[in-house]
Amino acid sequence: MEATDQTEQAVRLKKLIEANQTIARVESLEELFPMLMTLAKEVTNAEASSIMRYRPNRNVLEFELASNEGTGNLDKILREKITLKLGEGVAGWVGENRESVNIRDAQNDPRFSRRADSETGFVTRAILCSPILHENELLGVVQVLNPKSSRNFDDGDLEILEAFAGLAAVAIVRSRLLENLIAQEKLQAAKNAADIVEAAADAIITFGIESLRIRGINPAAMRIFGYDYDEFMDMSMLALLEHGEEEDILDRIFSGELHELPGLRKNGEAFPMEAVVRIGGKQGEEFFIGTFRDVTKKNEALRKLYSELSKAADYVKTLLPSPITDGPLRAHWRFIPSTSLGGDSFGYHWVDEEHFAIYLLDVCGHGVHAALLSVSVINVLQSQSLPGTDFKEPDQVLNALNNAFPMERHNEMYFTMWYGVYNRKTRTLVYASGGHPPALLMTSGPKGRIRPIGLKTPNMFIGGMPNVKYKKNEVKIEGKCRLFVFSDGVYEIETPEGVMWKYEEFQDFMVNVPPNEGAEMDRLFGHAKKLCGEDTLDDDFSIMEVVFD
């Protein structure tokens, strides 16, 4: 018997700890109360449980949550139909006296109210009820009904229910504090709203839904458009737009999205502005709120930036190798960046008279930072300036690049890479890849059919972790073969329907496209554009073809 009591105590303690952990991680009372009630019902082995909240303004207890086994809609019925005055029923008595009770025969207890049983059809035999208190302030009551394994609840059940009542008090007080904090923040936000509008650098203008007559402005509107306050108050919003395209402009403005539009100052000067308009006000008193930003200087800066980026893009392209059109080893490539500066780069060159290096890297992202990292890596490879590195050994090259270009020193940017070295005397291709798609080696299979071989090693991307040991592999080049090295931008193509082109489908396409040096890549790019339905792709399109005779 003693062992059984110890087991029950252990279970109760475990449930109480679980409830305490639930309090710590769940902030919403709507989520928290069902969890607490389930645990309370389990630990007391009760048929039903409920929480009632005290409403001091009306001096009543209302059901917040009720849970039982069997009677349908009990929670809904109690919340809608049962309200107890303080002192009414067992729960009302507990709330009024701030005292827990263990009632063994509810039907004959003078404090018991039969209203809930009458409404729900539930028959109450025994009740445990405890007040939910915070520093003697009544917050509510919690109760469990009818033990399932015995006729009555015991003192241990009452102790555990009182502990749950304490946890419920913590939850309610915390929720109340959060609600007060949110209310204070909203109030402060409302107080600051006028100051924010007044100090805004953008013009903020309110105007009528039907008339488009201006109702209100901030100081920035006078500075940007050149009118004083009284002049604004007698104007239509259309006067702030360059004439000739008002209807089209209004369609764009009232779409609710940000658009660049032609603005018009008081002195007749047209200027570019970004505008977005929303509907404000209460129902029946709506009006438009427009935000207008002068982007003249921004556009000038962008034009200069694009000019510089174009020059930089031209420089990046000068680093790409010239095609090799004659001899037993030939090479071609196609490079179409998704932006004026891409994160892809590649190359090939003779390391010595016997060894030919082939490499392609794909920096995460696009733009200036990606291009700078890409150019730096290509320069290192072309100049072979990694100390202690044999550039004929792909694993050594990837190891050295990984240690030389850690992502924490390069704006958290990393890159994937494929690097291979062909020995023209032994006709062996040694290769290694770091997080990169497999290169495709097209060889001749039975009956002249093309047999694709994916060349990839199980290594992580470059720059992620120091001192990673990269692995290499090798393949024999037998007969005439074609090698395609590419970035994932050539096959990760999304259709307008949101379907991604799979690598296997890309491989099948390359197998079935007629061999014609260079033309296969053009066919691939045309197919990619057709798949996505656009002339430009979302990612860099970079691919090399190396032909071994």
Protein backbone atom coordinates (compact mmCIF):
# COMPACT_ATOMS: atom_id res chain seq x y z
CA MET A 1 0.00 0.00 0.00
CA GLU A 2 2.86 2.36 0.88
CA ALA A 3 4.48 1.69 -2.51
CA THR A 4 1.20 2.57 -4.24
CA ASP A 5 0.97 5.86 -2.33
CA GLN A 6 4.54 6.72 -3.32
CA THR A 7 3.75 5.97 -6.97
CA GLU A 8 0.67 8.19 -6.87
CA GLN A 9 2.69 10.99 -5.26
CA ALA A 10 5.35 10.64 -7.97
CA VAL A 11 2.69 10.88 -10.69
CA ARG A 12 1.17 13.95 -9.07
CA LEU A 13 4.57 15.61 -8.76
CA LYS A 14 5.33 14.85 -12.41
CA LYS A 15 2.02 16.38 -13.51
CA LEU A 16 2.65 19.47 -11.40
CA ILE A 17 6.12 19.91 -12.93
CA GLU A 18 4.59 19.45 -16.38
CA ALA A 19 2.01 22.11 -15.61
CA ASN A 20 4.71 24.49 -14.38
CA GLN A 21 6.68 23.96 -17.61
CA THR A 22 3.52 24.62 -19.60
CA ILE A 23 3.08 27.93 -17.77
CA ALA A 24 6.65 28.89 -18.70
CA ARG A 25 6.31 28.32 -22.43
CA VAL A 26 2.67 29.27 -23.19
CA GLU A 27 1.55 32.89 -22.91
CA SER A 28 -2.00 32.69 -24.28
CA LEU A 29 -4.70 31.83 -21.73
CA GLU A 30 -6.73 30.28 -24.54
CA GLU A 31 -3.94 27.74 -25.05
CA LEU A 32 -2.89 27.44 -21.41
CA PHE A 33 -6.18 26.76 -19.59
CA PRO A 34 -7.12 23.62 -21.60
CA MET A 35 -3.66 22.18 -20.87
CA LEU A 36 -3.92 22.92 -17.14
CA MET A 37 -7.44 21.51 -16.90
CA THR A 38 -6.45 18.32 -18.69
CA LEU A 39 -3.51 17.84 -16.32
CA ALA A 40 -5.64 18.62 -13.25
CA LYS A 41 -8.29 16.14 -14.36
CA GLU A 42 -5.67 13.47 -15.04
CA VAL A 43 -3.82 13.84 -11.74
CA THR A 44 -7.03 13.75 -9.64
CA ASN A 45 -8.54 11.07 -11.93
CA ALA A 46 -11.72 13.16 -12.23
CA GLU A 47 -14.59 13.00 -14.72
CA ALA A 48 -14.79 16.76 -15.25
CA SER A 49 -12.91 19.98 -14.55
CA SER A 50 -13.57 23.70 -14.97
CA ILE A 51 -12.21 27.20 -14.39
CA MET A 52 -14.45 30.15 -13.50
CA ARG A 53 -13.20 33.75 -13.72
CA TYR A 54 -14.31 36.39 -11.21
CA ARG A 55 -15.79 39.57 -12.73
CA PRO A 56 -15.51 42.18 -9.92
CA ASN A 57 -17.53 44.84 -11.77
CA ARG A 58 -20.61 42.55 -11.59
CA ASN A 59 -19.49 40.47 -8.57
CA VAL A 60 -20.09 37.18 -10.40
CA LEU A 61 -18.21 34.05 -11.47
CA GLU A 62 -18.35 33.04 -15.16
CA PHE A 63 -17.21 29.79 -16.72
CA GLU A 64 -13.97 30.31 -18.65
CA LEU A 65 -13.48 26.65 -19.57
CA ALA A 66 -15.12 23.31 -18.76
CA SER A 67 -14.02 19.82 -19.74
CA ASN A 68 -15.63 16.44 -19.15
CA GLU A 69 -15.87 12.90 -20.44
CA GLY A 70 -19.24 12.13 -21.92
CA THR A 71 -21.60 15.12 -21.83
CA GLY A 72 -21.43 16.88 -25.17
CA ASN A 73 -21.29 20.68 -25.43
CA LEU A 74 -20.81 21.03 -21.66
CA ASP A 75 -18.31 23.84 -22.10
CA LYS A 76 -20.58 25.80 -24.45
CA ILE A 77 -23.67 25.34 -22.25
CA LEU A 78 -21.94 26.43 -19.07
CA ARG A 79 -20.29 29.49 -20.61
CA GLU A 80 -23.54 30.66 -22.20
CA LYS A 81 -26.10 29.84 -19.49
CA ILE A 82 -24.46 29.64 -16.06
CA THR A 83 -23.28 32.64 -14.07
CA LEU A 84 -22.91 32.43 -10.30
CA LYS A 85 -23.16 35.33 -7.90
CA LEU A 86 -20.44 35.42 -5.31
CA GLY A 87 -21.71 33.14 -2.49
CA GLU A 88 -23.99 31.13 -4.82
CA GLY A 89 -23.27 27.42 -5.17
CA VAL A 90 -20.07 25.68 -4.11
CA ALA A 91 -17.90 27.76 -6.46
CA GLY A 92 -19.50 30.98 -5.21
CA TRP A 93 -18.97 29.94 -1.57
CA VAL A 94 -15.28 29.12 -2.27
CA GLY A 95 -14.80 32.46 -4.00
CA GLU A 96 -16.49 34.44 -1.24
CA ASN A 97 -14.63 32.68 1.59
CA ARG A 98 -11.26 32.28 -0.19
CA GLU A 99 -11.20 28.69 1.08
CA SER A 100 -10.84 25.31 -0.65
CA VAL A 101 -13.40 22.53 -0.06
CA ASN A 102 -13.62 18.75 -0.55
CA ILE A 103 -17.32 17.88 -0.78
CA ARG A 104 -17.96 14.14 -0.60
CA ASP A 105 -21.75 14.20 -1.11
CA ALA A 106 -22.61 17.13 -3.35
CA GLN A 107 -26.34 16.41 -3.71
CA ASN A 108 -26.91 16.76 0.03
CA ASP A 109 -24.59 19.71 0.61
CA PRO A 110 -26.59 22.93 1.24
CA ARG A 111 -24.06 24.99 -0.73
CA PHE A 112 -24.53 22.93 -3.90
CA SER A 113 -26.45 24.53 -6.81
CA ARG A 114 -28.19 22.15 -9.21
CA ARG A 115 -28.44 24.67 -12.06
CA ALA A 116 -25.40 23.35 -13.94
CA ASP A 117 -26.49 19.70 -13.64
CA SER A 118 -29.98 20.66 -14.82
CA GLU A 119 -28.66 22.45 -17.92
CA THR A 120 -26.05 19.83 -18.91
CA GLY A 121 -27.48 16.51 -17.70
CA PHE A 122 -24.29 15.86 -15.75
CA VAL A 123 -24.72 14.32 -12.27
CA THR A 124 -22.32 15.72 -9.71
CA ARG A 125 -21.41 13.39 -6.82
CA ALA A 126 -18.21 14.86 -5.36
CA ILE A 127 -16.47 18.21 -5.74
CA LEU A 128 -13.00 19.56 -5.19
CA CYS A 129 -12.94 23.34 -5.48
CA SER A 130 -10.15 25.83 -4.81
CA PRO A 131 -9.97 29.64 -5.11
CA ILE A 132 -7.55 31.23 -7.60
CA LEU A 133 -5.92 34.00 -5.59
CA HIS A 134 -3.21 36.58 -6.13
CA GLU A 135 -2.19 38.31 -2.90
CA ASN A 136 -5.72 37.60 -1.55
CA GLU A 137 -7.29 39.13 -4.68
CA LEU A 138 -9.91 36.74 -6.05
CA LEU A 139 -9.26 35.91 -9.71
CA GLY A 140 -11.55 32.90 -10.00
CA VAL A 141 -12.03 29.29 -8.88
CA VAL A 142 -10.95 25.92 -10.23
CA GLN A 143 -12.82 22.68 -9.59
CA VAL A 144 -12.84 18.99 -10.50
CA LEU A 145 -15.86 16.69 -10.23
CA ASN A 146 -16.46 12.99 -9.53
CA PRO A 147 -13.36 10.81 -9.00
CA LYS A 148 -13.40 7.85 -11.38
CA SER A 149 -11.51 5.28 -9.29
CA SER A 150 -13.13 5.91 -5.89
CA ARG A 151 -16.24 7.45 -4.36
CA ASN A 152 -14.50 10.50 -2.92
CA PHE A 153 -11.47 12.72 -3.45
CA ASP A 154 -8.74 12.57 -0.80
CA ASP A 155 -6.57 15.22 0.85
CA GLY A 156 -3.78 14.61 -1.68
CA ASP A 157 -6.19 15.46 -4.50
CA LEU A 158 -7.09 18.71 -2.76
CA GLU A 159 -3.43 19.65 -2.30
CA ILE A 160 -2.68 19.09 -5.97
CA LEU A 161 -5.77 21.12 -7.03
CA GLU A 162 -4.64 24.00 -4.82
CA ALA A 163 -1.25 23.84 -6.54
CA PHE A 164 -2.97 24.01 -9.92
CA ALA A 165 -4.99 26.98 -8.68
CA GLY A 166 -1.72 28.72 -7.83
CA LEU A 167 -0.40 28.04 -11.35
CA ALA A 168 -3.64 29.36 -12.85
CA ALA A 169 -3.21 32.54 -10.78
CA VAL A 170 0.30 33.01 -12.16
CA ALA A 171 -1.02 32.58 -15.70
CA ILE A 172 -3.89 35.05 -15.22
CA VAL A 173 -1.68 37.71 -13.62
CA ARG A 174 0.95 37.35 -16.32
CA SER A 175 -1.69 37.60 -19.03
CA ARG A 176 -3.13 40.69 -17.37
CA LEU A 177 0.30 42.31 -17.22
CA LEU A 178 0.84 41.56 -20.89
CA GLU A 179 -2.55 43.05 -21.78
CA ASN A 180 -1.73 46.20 -19.79
CA LEU A 181 1.66 46.47 -21.48
CA ILE A 182 0.08 46.14 -24.93
CA ALA A 183 -2.55 48.73 -24.03
CA GLN A 184 0.17 51.14 -22.86
CA GLU A 185 2.13 50.57 -26.06
CA LYS A 186 -0.97 51.26 -28.17
CA LEU A 187 -1.66 54.42 -26.22
CA GLN A 188 1.91 55.59 -26.62
CA ALA A 189 1.79 54.74 -30.33
CA ALA A 190 -1.36 56.84 -30.69
CA LYS A 191 0.32 59.75 -28.89
CA ASN A 192 3.36 59.46 -31.14
CA ALA A 193 1.42 59.10 -34.39
CA ALA A 194 0.83 62.81 -34.84
CA ASP A 195 4.50 63.58 -34.12
CA ILE A 196 5.60 60.93 -36.61
CA VAL A 197 3.38 62.35 -39.37
CA GLU A 198 4.57 65.87 -38.59
CA ALA A 199 8.25 64.90 -38.72
CA ALA A 200 8.03 62.52 -41.70
CA ALA A 201 10.35 63.22 -44.63
CA ASP A 202 7.67 61.95 -47.03
CA ALA A 203 4.62 63.97 -47.98
CA ILE A 204 1.52 62.61 -46.24
CA ILE A 205 -1.72 63.85 -47.75
CA THR A 206 -5.33 62.95 -46.96
CA PHE A 207 -8.07 63.53 -49.55
CA GLY A 208 -11.69 62.63 -50.23
CA ILE A 209 -12.79 59.33 -51.70
CA GLU A 210 -15.15 60.83 -54.30
CA SER A 211 -14.00 64.45 -54.69
CA LEU A 212 -10.25 63.83 -54.34
CA ARG A 213 -10.15 67.22 -52.58
CA ILE A 214 -7.23 67.53 -50.19
CA ARG A 215 -8.20 67.51 -46.50
CA GLY A 216 -4.88 67.49 -44.68
CA ILE A 217 -1.11 67.64 -45.23
CA ASN A 218 2.12 67.47 -43.27
CA PRO A 219 5.06 69.95 -43.57
CA ALA A 220 6.93 67.66 -45.97
CA ALA A 221 4.10 68.00 -48.50
CA MET A 222 4.61 71.80 -48.60
CA ARG A 223 8.36 71.36 -49.02
CA ILE A 224 8.13 68.73 -51.79
CA PHE A 225 5.31 70.25 -53.87
CA GLY A 226 5.93 73.95 -53.14
CA TYR A 227 2.40 74.96 -52.08
CA ASP A 228 1.52 76.54 -48.74
CA TYR A 229 -1.16 75.13 -46.45
CA ASP A 230 -4.04 77.34 -47.66
CA GLU A 231 -3.25 76.58 -51.32
CA PHE A 232 -3.36 72.84 -50.61
CA MET A 233 -6.76 73.11 -48.93
CA ASP A 234 -8.36 74.38 -52.14
CA MET A 235 -6.82 71.76 -54.48
CA SER A 236 -7.65 68.44 -56.04
CA MET A 237 -5.08 65.73 -55.58
CA LEU A 238 -4.89 65.54 -59.42
CA ALA A 239 -3.07 68.90 -59.43
CA LEU A 240 -0.05 67.13 -57.91
CA LEU A 241 0.30 64.80 -60.91
CA GLU A 242 1.86 65.58 -64.26
CA HIS A 243 -0.94 66.17 -66.74
CA GLY A 244 -1.89 63.82 -69.55
CA GLU A 245 -2.01 60.41 -67.85
CA GLU A 246 -4.29 61.04 -64.87
CA GLU A 247 -6.58 58.07 -65.48
CA ASP A 248 -3.74 55.56 -65.80
CA ILE A 249 -1.96 57.14 -62.84
CA LEU A 250 -5.05 56.96 -60.65
CA ASP A 251 -5.46 53.26 -61.43
CA ARG A 252 -1.92 52.68 -60.22
CA ILE A 253 -2.26 54.89 -57.15
CA PHE A 254 -5.45 53.29 -55.94
CA SER A 255 -4.15 49.75 -56.41
CA GLY A 256 -2.77 50.02 -52.86
CA GLU A 257 0.72 49.12 -54.07
CA LEU A 258 3.86 51.25 -54.26
CA HIS A 259 4.38 52.84 -57.69
CA GLU A 260 6.69 55.41 -59.21
CA LEU A 261 4.63 58.26 -60.67
CA PRO A 262 5.27 61.63 -62.33
CA GLY A 263 4.73 64.37 -59.75
CA LEU A 264 4.25 68.08 -60.47
CA ARG A 265 5.50 70.95 -58.32
CA LYS A 266 3.87 74.39 -58.04
CA ASN A 267 6.53 75.89 -60.35
CA GLY A 268 5.58 73.42 -63.11
CA GLU A 269 8.62 71.17 -62.61
CA ALA A 270 7.88 67.49 -63.14
CA PHE A 271 9.71 65.04 -60.88
CA PRO A 272 9.68 61.29 -60.14
CA MET A 273 7.95 60.24 -56.95
CA GLU A 274 7.01 56.99 -55.26
CA ALA A 275 3.43 56.87 -54.05
CA VAL A 276 1.17 54.52 -52.15
CA VAL A 277 -2.43 55.22 -51.13
CA ARG A 278 -4.53 53.46 -48.51
CA ILE A 279 -8.09 53.95 -47.24
CA GLY A 280 -8.40 55.33 -43.70
CA GLY A 281 -11.09 56.50 -41.33
CA LYS A 282 -14.14 54.81 -39.83
CA GLN A 283 -16.92 53.14 -41.79
CA GLY A 284 -19.02 55.82 -43.43
CA GLU A 285 -16.26 58.41 -42.93
CA GLU A 286 -13.50 56.89 -45.11
CA PHE A 287 -10.84 58.95 -46.84
CA PHE A 288 -7.61 58.32 -48.74
CA ILE A 289 -4.20 58.58 -47.05
CA GLY A 290 -1.38 59.00 -49.55
CA THR A 291 2.36 58.88 -48.92
CA PHE A 292 4.50 60.55 -51.60
CA ARG A 293 8.30 60.46 -51.78
CA ASP A 294 10.53 62.56 -54.06
CA VAL A 295 12.97 60.05 -55.61
CA THR A 296 14.88 62.45 -57.86
CA LYS A 297 18.18 62.06 -55.99
CA LYS A 298 17.62 58.35 -55.51
CA ASN A 299 17.14 57.80 -59.24
CA GLU A 300 20.23 59.84 -60.06
CA ALA A 301 22.25 57.75 -57.62
CA LEU A 302 20.84 54.54 -59.13
CA ARG A 303 21.79 55.65 -62.65
CA LYS A 304 25.36 56.25 -61.51
CA LEU A 305 25.37 52.92 -59.68
CA TYR A 306 24.08 51.02 -62.72
CA SER A 307 26.74 52.65 -64.84
CA GLU A 308 29.43 51.52 -62.42
CA LEU A 309 27.90 48.04 -62.18
CA SER A 310 27.87 47.76 -65.95
CA LYS A 311 31.57 48.57 -66.03
CA ALA A 312 32.21 46.04 -63.27
CA ALA A 313 30.18 43.42 -65.15
CA ASP A 314 32.29 44.02 -68.23
CA TYR A 315 35.39 43.46 -66.09
CA VAL A 316 33.99 40.18 -64.73
CA LYS A 317 33.40 38.97 -68.27
CA THR A 318 37.04 39.73 -69.21
CA LEU A 319 38.07 37.08 -66.66
CA LEU A 320 36.13 34.37 -68.47
CA PRO A 321 38.24 32.19 -70.78
CA SER A 322 38.26 32.33 -74.56
CA PRO A 323 36.66 29.37 -76.32
CA ILE A 324 39.02 26.61 -77.50
CA THR A 325 37.84 25.65 -80.99
CA ASP A 326 40.71 23.53 -82.36
CA GLY A 327 42.62 20.46 -81.25
CA PRO A 328 41.77 17.21 -79.43
CA LEU A 329 40.47 19.21 -76.47
CA ARG A 330 37.91 21.93 -77.11
CA ALA A 331 35.91 24.11 -74.78
CA HIS A 332 32.87 26.40 -75.06
CA TRP A 333 30.64 28.17 -72.54
CA ARG A 334 27.50 30.21 -72.07
CA PHE A 335 27.07 32.79 -69.30
CA ILE A 336 23.87 34.82 -68.86
CA PRO A 337 23.79 36.53 -65.44
CA SER A 338 20.44 37.17 -63.79
CA THR A 339 21.58 40.67 -62.78
CA SER A 340 24.25 43.04 -64.08
CA LEU A 341 26.61 41.31 -61.65
CA GLY A 342 26.28 37.60 -61.03
CA GLY A 343 27.64 35.27 -58.38
CA ASP A 344 28.76 32.62 -60.89
CA SER A 345 32.19 32.41 -62.47
CA PHE A 346 34.23 29.75 -64.20
CA GLY A 347 37.34 29.06 -66.19
CA TYR A 348 39.78 26.56 -67.58
CA HIS A 349 43.50 26.66 -68.29
CA TRP A 350 46.55 24.46 -68.74
CA VAL A 351 48.30 23.95 -65.40
CA ASP A 352 51.28 22.50 -67.28
CA GLU A 353 51.77 20.73 -70.59
CA GLU A 354 49.86 17.64 -69.45
CA HIS A 355 47.19 18.87 -67.07
CA PHE A 356 44.10 20.91 -67.95
CA ALA A 357 42.10 22.46 -65.07
CA ILE A 358 38.32 23.01 -65.36
CA TYR A 359 36.36 24.86 -62.65
CA LEU A 360 33.06 26.58 -61.95
CA LEU A 361 31.88 28.26 -58.76
CA ASP A 362 28.53 29.64 -57.64
CA VAL A 363 28.51 32.25 -54.86
CA CYS A 364 25.32 32.43 -52.82
CA GLY A 365 23.30 35.47 -53.85
CA HIS A 366 23.87 38.08 -56.55
CA GLY A 367 25.17 41.61 -56.87
CA VAL A 368 28.34 43.38 -55.86
CA HIS A 369 29.38 41.26 -52.88
CA ALA A 370 28.80 37.99 -54.73
CA ALA A 371 30.73 39.24 -57.77
CA LEU A 372 33.67 40.46 -55.68
CA LEU A 373 34.02 37.09 -53.96
CA SER A 374 33.66 35.29 -57.28
CA VAL A 375 36.36 37.46 -58.92
CA SER A 376 38.70 36.93 -55.96
CA VAL A 377 38.43 33.14 -56.19
CA ILE A 378 38.91 33.12 -59.97
CA ASN A 379 42.00 35.31 -59.66
CA VAL A 380 43.46 32.93 -57.08
CA LEU A 381 42.83 29.93 -59.36
CA GLN A 382 44.22 31.58 -62.47
CA SER A 383 47.33 32.85 -60.67
CA GLN A 384 47.68 29.59 -58.69
CA SER A 385 48.39 31.64 -55.59
CA LEU A 386 47.37 29.27 -52.79
CA PRO A 387 50.57 28.47 -50.86
CA GLY A 388 51.43 24.81 -50.50
CA THR A 389 48.71 23.72 -52.93
CA ASP A 390 49.17 21.38 -55.89
CA PHE A 391 46.67 22.71 -58.44
CA LYS A 392 46.67 19.33 -60.16
CA GLU A 393 44.98 17.84 -57.08
CA PRO A 394 41.33 18.94 -56.78
CA ASP A 395 41.00 17.94 -53.11
CA GLN A 396 43.96 20.14 -52.18
CA VAL A 397 42.49 23.07 -54.11
CA LEU A 398 39.12 22.83 -52.34
CA ASN A 399 40.80 22.42 -48.94
CA ALA A 400 42.92 25.53 -49.54
CA LEU A 401 39.99 27.63 -50.85
CA ASN A 402 37.84 26.63 -47.87
CA ASN A 403 40.51 27.89 -45.45
CA ALA A 404 41.30 31.01 -47.50
CA PHE A 405 37.69 32.21 -47.91
CA PRO A 406 35.79 31.64 -44.64
CA MET A 407 32.25 33.02 -44.88
CA GLU A 408 32.58 35.06 -41.66
CA ARG A 409 35.18 37.22 -43.44
CA HIS A 410 33.07 37.63 -46.59
CA ASN A 411 29.67 38.98 -45.49
CA GLU A 412 28.52 35.49 -44.50
CA MET A 413 28.76 34.43 -48.16
CA TYR A 414 29.87 30.96 -49.21
CA PHE A 415 30.16 29.27 -52.58
CA THR A 416 29.76 25.86 -54.16
CA MET A 417 32.36 24.62 -56.63
CA TRP A 418 33.32 21.91 -59.08
CA TYR A 419 37.04 21.54 -59.88
CA GLY A 420 38.54 18.93 -62.21
CA VAL A 421 41.94 18.26 -63.79
CA TYR A 422 42.30 16.28 -67.03
CA ASN A 423 45.57 14.44 -67.77
CA ARG A 424 45.80 14.22 -71.52
CA LYS A 425 48.48 11.49 -71.44
CA THR A 426 46.61 9.09 -69.16
CA ARG A 427 43.18 10.38 -70.28
CA THR A 428 42.14 10.52 -66.63
CA LEU A 429 39.89 13.19 -65.13
CA VAL A 430 40.40 13.78 -61.40
CA TYR A 431 37.68 15.90 -59.79
CA ALA A 432 36.19 17.17 -56.53
CA SER A 433 33.02 19.13 -55.77
CA GLY A 434 31.91 21.12 -52.75
CA GLY A 435 28.11 21.30 -52.41
CA HIS A 436 27.87 21.68 -56.19
CA PRO A 437 25.65 19.92 -58.75
CA PRO A 438 27.34 16.94 -60.42
CA ALA A 439 29.06 17.60 -63.72
CA LEU A 440 27.69 15.51 -66.60
CA LEU A 441 30.10 13.34 -68.57
CA MET A 442 28.49 12.13 -71.80
CA THR A 443 30.06 8.85 -72.92
CA SER A 444 29.14 6.32 -75.60
CA GLY A 445 27.07 3.41 -74.36
CA PRO A 446 25.86 0.22 -76.05
CA LYS A 447 24.69 0.61 -79.66
CA GLY A 448 26.05 4.17 -79.77
CA ARG A 449 23.61 5.47 -77.17
CA ILE A 450 24.76 8.33 -74.99
CA ARG A 451 25.40 7.31 -71.39
CA PRO A 452 25.51 10.18 -68.83
CA ILE A 453 27.75 9.87 -65.78
CA GLY A 454 27.30 12.27 -62.86
CA LEU A 455 30.64 13.42 -61.43
CA LYS A 456 30.30 14.52 -57.83
CA THR A 457 32.01 14.00 -54.49
CA PRO A 458 30.21 14.17 -51.11
CA ASN A 459 31.73 17.40 -49.81
CA MET A 460 30.15 20.46 -48.16
CA PHE A 461 30.17 23.95 -49.69
CA ILE A 462 33.27 26.15 -49.54
CA GLY A 463 33.77 28.59 -46.65
CA GLY A 464 31.38 27.03 -44.15
CA MET A 465 33.73 25.36 -41.65
CA PRO A 466 37.52 25.46 -41.25
CA ASN A 467 39.79 22.44 -41.72
CA VAL A 468 37.26 20.36 -43.64
CA LYS A 469 38.90 17.48 -45.53
CA TYR A 470 37.57 17.42 -49.08
CA LYS A 471 37.59 14.18 -51.08
CA LYS A 472 38.36 13.62 -54.75
CA ASN A 473 37.48 10.98 -57.31
CA GLU A 474 38.55 10.12 -60.85
CA VAL A 475 37.14 8.74 -64.06
CA LYS A 476 38.75 7.36 -67.24
CA ILE A 477 37.96 9.24 -70.44
CA GLU A 478 37.43 6.55 -73.06
CA GLY A 479 36.79 7.54 -76.64
CA LYS A 480 35.12 10.81 -77.55
CA CYS A 481 33.33 12.32 -74.55
CA ARG A 482 31.65 15.59 -73.69
CA LEU A 483 31.81 17.12 -70.21
CA PHE A 484 29.22 19.67 -69.04
CA VAL A 485 30.00 21.70 -65.90
CA PHE A 486 27.26 24.08 -64.75
CA SER A 487 25.60 25.91 -61.88
CA ASP A 488 22.14 25.03 -60.53
CA GLY A 489 20.70 28.03 -62.38
CA VAL A 490 20.60 25.99 -65.62
CA TYR A 491 18.06 23.51 -64.27
CA GLU A 492 16.35 24.98 -61.21
CA ILE A 493 13.72 26.62 -63.40
CA GLU A 494 10.26 27.34 -62.02
CA THR A 495 7.31 27.31 -64.39
CA PRO A 496 4.52 29.92 -64.16
CA GLU A 497 2.46 27.19 -62.44
CA GLY A 498 5.06 26.97 -59.66
CA VAL A 499 6.49 23.60 -60.73
CA MET A 500 10.28 23.22 -60.52
CA TRP A 501 12.16 21.54 -63.38
CA LYS A 502 13.92 18.52 -61.89
CA TYR A 503 17.60 17.65 -62.28
CA GLU A 504 16.62 14.30 -63.81
CA GLU A 505 14.57 16.11 -66.46
CA PHE A 506 17.51 18.39 -67.20
CA GLN A 507 19.79 15.36 -67.58
CA ASP A 508 17.35 13.67 -69.97
CA PHE A 509 17.19 16.87 -72.02
CA MET A 510 20.99 17.01 -72.33
CA VAL A 511 21.16 13.33 -73.29
CA ASN A 512 18.60 13.76 -76.05
CA VAL A 513 19.77 17.08 -77.51
CA PRO A 514 21.77 16.43 -80.73
CA PRO A 515 25.55 16.76 -80.16
CA ASN A 516 26.79 19.97 -81.75
CA GLU A 517 29.56 21.80 -79.91
CA GLY A 518 28.10 24.89 -78.27
CA ALA A 519 24.65 24.52 -79.81
CA GLU A 520 23.50 22.16 -77.05
CA MET A 521 23.90 24.99 -74.54
CA ASP A 522 21.91 27.38 -76.72
CA ARG A 523 19.14 24.81 -76.99
CA LEU A 524 19.19 24.43 -73.21
CA PHE A 525 18.91 28.18 -72.61
CA GLY A 526 16.03 28.44 -75.05
CA HIS A 527 14.24 25.60 -73.30
CA ALA A 528 14.82 27.23 -69.88
CA LYS A 529 13.26 30.49 -71.07
CA LYS A 530 10.31 28.58 -72.48
CA LEU A 531 9.81 26.76 -69.18
CA CYS A 532 9.76 29.91 -67.04
CA GLY A 533 7.87 31.98 -69.61
CA GLU A 534 10.37 34.87 -69.37
CA ASP A 535 13.36 36.13 -71.36
CA THR A 536 15.45 36.44 -68.19
CA LEU A 537 15.97 33.78 -65.54
CA ASP A 538 15.85 34.12 -61.76
CA ASP A 539 19.41 32.79 -61.37
CA ASP A 540 22.68 32.96 -63.30
CA PHE A 541 22.81 30.63 -66.30
CA SER A 542 26.40 29.31 -66.39
CA ILE A 543 27.54 26.22 -68.25
CA MET A 544 30.77 24.95 -69.88
CA GLU A 545 31.21 22.19 -72.43
CA VAL A 546 34.59 20.47 -72.76
CA VAL A 547 35.01 17.99 -75.63
CA PHE A 548 37.61 15.23 -75.39
CA ASP A 549 38.49 13.54 -78.71
